[in-house]
Protein backbone atom coordinates (compact mmCIF):
# COMPACT_ATOMS: atom_id res chain seq x y z
CA MET A 1 4.57 5.64 15.81
CA ALA A 2 6.78 8.30 17.34
CA THR A 3 6.47 6.84 20.89
CA LEU A 4 7.18 3.28 19.82
CA GLN A 5 10.06 4.33 17.54
CA ALA A 6 11.63 6.37 20.40
CA ALA A 7 11.22 3.28 22.63
CA ARG A 8 12.85 1.22 20.00
CA ALA A 9 15.98 3.44 19.77
CA TYR A 10 16.19 3.67 23.60
CA ALA A 11 16.02 -0.11 23.86
CA LEU A 12 18.84 -0.27 21.36
CA GLY A 13 21.06 1.85 23.49
CA TYR A 14 20.45 5.52 22.36
CA SER A 15 20.11 8.14 25.03
CA LEU A 16 16.61 9.32 25.92
CA ALA A 17 17.21 12.56 24.05
CA GLU A 18 18.63 10.74 21.02
CA ALA A 19 15.68 8.25 21.08
CA LYS A 20 13.07 10.99 21.21
CA SER A 21 14.68 12.73 18.31
CA PHE A 22 14.74 9.39 16.28
CA GLY A 23 11.13 8.64 17.18
CA LEU A 24 9.84 11.98 15.94
CA ASN A 25 12.13 11.70 12.92
CA ARG A 26 10.69 8.32 11.96
CA ALA A 27 7.03 9.36 12.54
CA ILE A 28 7.62 12.31 10.09
CA PHE A 29 9.52 10.07 7.74
CA TYR A 30 6.66 7.43 7.47
CA ALA A 31 3.90 10.15 7.32
CA ALA A 32 5.79 11.64 4.30
CA ALA A 33 6.18 8.13 2.90
CA LYS A 34 2.49 7.50 3.23
CA LYS A 35 1.77 10.75 1.26
CA GLY A 36 4.49 10.17 -1.29
CA PHE A 37 7.86 11.75 -1.31
CA LYS A 38 8.91 14.70 -3.37
CA ILE A 39 11.69 13.66 -5.93
CA PHE A 40 15.02 15.16 -5.19
CA LYS A 41 18.36 15.23 -7.01
CA LYS A 42 20.40 12.16 -6.57
CA ALA A 43 23.03 14.07 -4.58
CA PRO A 44 22.82 13.65 -0.79
CA PRO A 45 21.23 16.67 0.90
CA LYS A 46 23.27 19.26 2.54
CA ILE A 47 22.17 20.58 5.86
CA SER A 48 21.84 24.37 6.31
CA LEU A 49 20.07 25.10 9.46
CA PRO A 50 18.22 28.50 9.73
CA LYS A 51 19.93 30.04 12.67
CA GLU A 52 16.95 32.38 13.27
CA ILE A 53 14.83 29.33 14.17
CA TYR A 54 17.19 27.46 16.31
CA LYS A 55 18.88 30.56 17.91
CA ILE A 56 22.31 28.92 17.53
CA PRO A 57 25.36 31.29 17.34
CA GLU A 58 27.07 31.18 13.86
CA LYS A 59 30.20 29.36 14.94
CA GLU A 60 28.20 26.55 16.69
CA LEU A 61 25.84 26.41 13.70
CA GLN A 62 28.78 25.79 11.29
CA LYS A 63 30.17 23.03 13.66
CA ILE A 64 26.71 21.40 13.63
CA GLU A 65 26.37 21.50 9.93
CA LYS A 66 29.76 19.90 9.38
CA SER A 67 28.76 17.05 11.61
CA PHE A 68 25.94 16.04 9.17
CA THR A 69 25.84 12.29 8.57
CA ILE A 70 23.76 9.27 7.96
CA GLU A 71 23.04 7.22 11.10
CA LYS A 72 22.09 3.51 10.73
CA ILE A 73 19.84 1.74 13.15
CA GLY A 74 19.90 -1.74 11.92
CA ASP A 75 18.89 -1.66 8.30
CA GLU A 76 17.28 1.75 8.63
CA MET A 77 18.97 4.99 7.79
CA ALA A 78 18.24 8.57 8.89
CA TYR A 79 20.18 11.86 8.56
CA CYS A 80 21.49 13.44 11.78
CA VAL A 81 23.82 15.96 13.26
CA LYS A 82 25.73 16.27 16.51
CA MET A 83 24.73 18.82 19.03
CA LYS A 84 26.51 18.91 22.40
CA GLY A 85 27.70 15.40 21.79
CA LYS A 86 24.30 13.97 21.00
CA ARG A 87 22.72 12.85 17.81
CA VAL A 88 19.83 14.92 16.67
CA PHE A 89 17.99 13.50 13.65
CA THR A 90 16.82 15.77 10.86
CA ILE A 91 14.63 15.86 7.82
CA GLY A 92 15.37 18.70 5.36
CA ASN A 93 16.44 21.67 7.52
CA GLU A 94 14.37 20.66 10.51
CA LEU A 95 15.85 19.15 13.63
CA GLN A 96 13.82 16.67 15.44
CA THR A 97 14.96 17.77 18.92
CA PRO A 98 13.84 16.27 22.24
CA GLU A 99 11.99 19.61 22.77
CA ALA A 100 10.10 19.14 19.50
CA PHE A 101 9.16 15.62 20.56
CA LYS A 102 7.87 16.96 23.91
CA LYS A 103 5.87 19.67 22.05
CA GLN A 104 4.47 17.53 19.24
CA ILE A 105 4.15 14.04 20.92
CA GLU A 106 4.30 14.16 24.72
CA SER A 107 1.89 17.21 24.91
CA ARG A 108 -0.82 15.03 23.35
CA PHE A 109 -0.75 12.73 26.43
CA GLY A 110 -1.07 15.52 28.96
CA ASP A 111 0.29 14.24 32.28
CA LYS A 112 0.02 10.56 31.09
CA PHE A 113 2.95 10.44 28.76
CA ASN A 114 5.13 8.50 31.34
CA GLU A 115 2.48 5.80 31.35
CA ALA A 116 2.51 5.46 27.67
CA TRP A 117 6.31 5.58 27.55
CA LYS A 118 6.64 2.72 30.10
CA GLU A 119 4.14 0.61 28.03
CA ALA A 120 6.03 1.36 24.84
CA LEU A 121 9.34 0.27 26.49
CA GLN A 122 7.75 -2.81 27.77
CA ILE A 123 6.45 -3.65 24.34
CA VAL A 124 9.64 -3.12 22.50
CA LYS A 125 11.80 -4.89 25.12
CA SER A 126 9.67 -7.91 24.81
CA TYR A 127 11.10 -8.49 21.33
CA ASP A 128 14.45 -9.93 20.14
CA LYS A 129 17.11 -7.38 19.18
CA GLY A 130 16.94 -8.73 15.56
CA VAL A 131 13.30 -7.54 15.23
CA LEU A 132 14.17 -4.17 16.67
CA LEU A 133 17.08 -3.75 14.12
CA SER A 134 14.85 -4.57 11.20
CA GLN A 135 12.80 -1.74 9.71
CA ARG A 136 10.35 -4.23 8.11
CA TYR A 137 10.10 -6.61 11.16
CA PHE A 138 9.75 -3.66 13.57
CA TYR A 139 6.89 -2.23 11.43
CA GLY A 140 5.14 -5.62 10.72
CA VAL A 141 5.57 -7.32 14.09
CA VAL A 142 5.70 -4.57 16.75
CA TYR A 143 4.12 -1.53 15.39
CA LYS A 144 1.30 -2.47 12.90
CA PRO A 145 -0.56 -5.14 15.04
CA ARG A 146 -0.80 -2.68 17.83
CA ARG A 147 -1.24 0.70 16.00
CA ASP A 148 -5.07 1.04 16.28
CA GLU A 149 -5.26 -0.62 19.70
CA LEU A 150 -2.45 1.76 21.26
CA ALA A 151 -3.92 4.85 19.41
CA LYS A 152 -7.36 4.22 20.96
CA LYS A 153 -5.84 3.37 24.35
CA TRP A 154 -3.53 6.25 24.62
CA SER A 155 -6.08 8.65 23.28
CA GLU A 156 -8.59 7.62 25.96
CA MET A 157 -5.78 7.68 28.61
CA ALA A 158 -5.02 11.29 27.63
CA LYS A 159 -8.55 12.57 28.04
């Protein structure tokens, strides 16, 4: 899911770093949705990043927290902040950074991630922009029909 979602965002014009952040964010989001979300107050969440985790100077941290917004990709929404001029997606107080994508996703592929990335880009670029902008169509037309096949293929490739 993370790799295809990242390829989707990249194909829609996001930078590679932003696309990887979005891909990891959506994979976490859908995993949480599958398990059932916790119920929160109706007020939008406020971001408060733990500086000890991200090792960000206090002044920069405040600037990042003030940049908290909702980003829309087609009909899908995700929370994000700006760091060094780039969008970094977040769930709760966790940033889905490109480094986190590398650690949690790319590392599973070993040295074969670039092959999987090229295939993911080829897949998403073969679809109309309208499909990529629709949460429902992306899931139903692009992701779901290939999920098991790609998981098996990419797992074998990574061995």
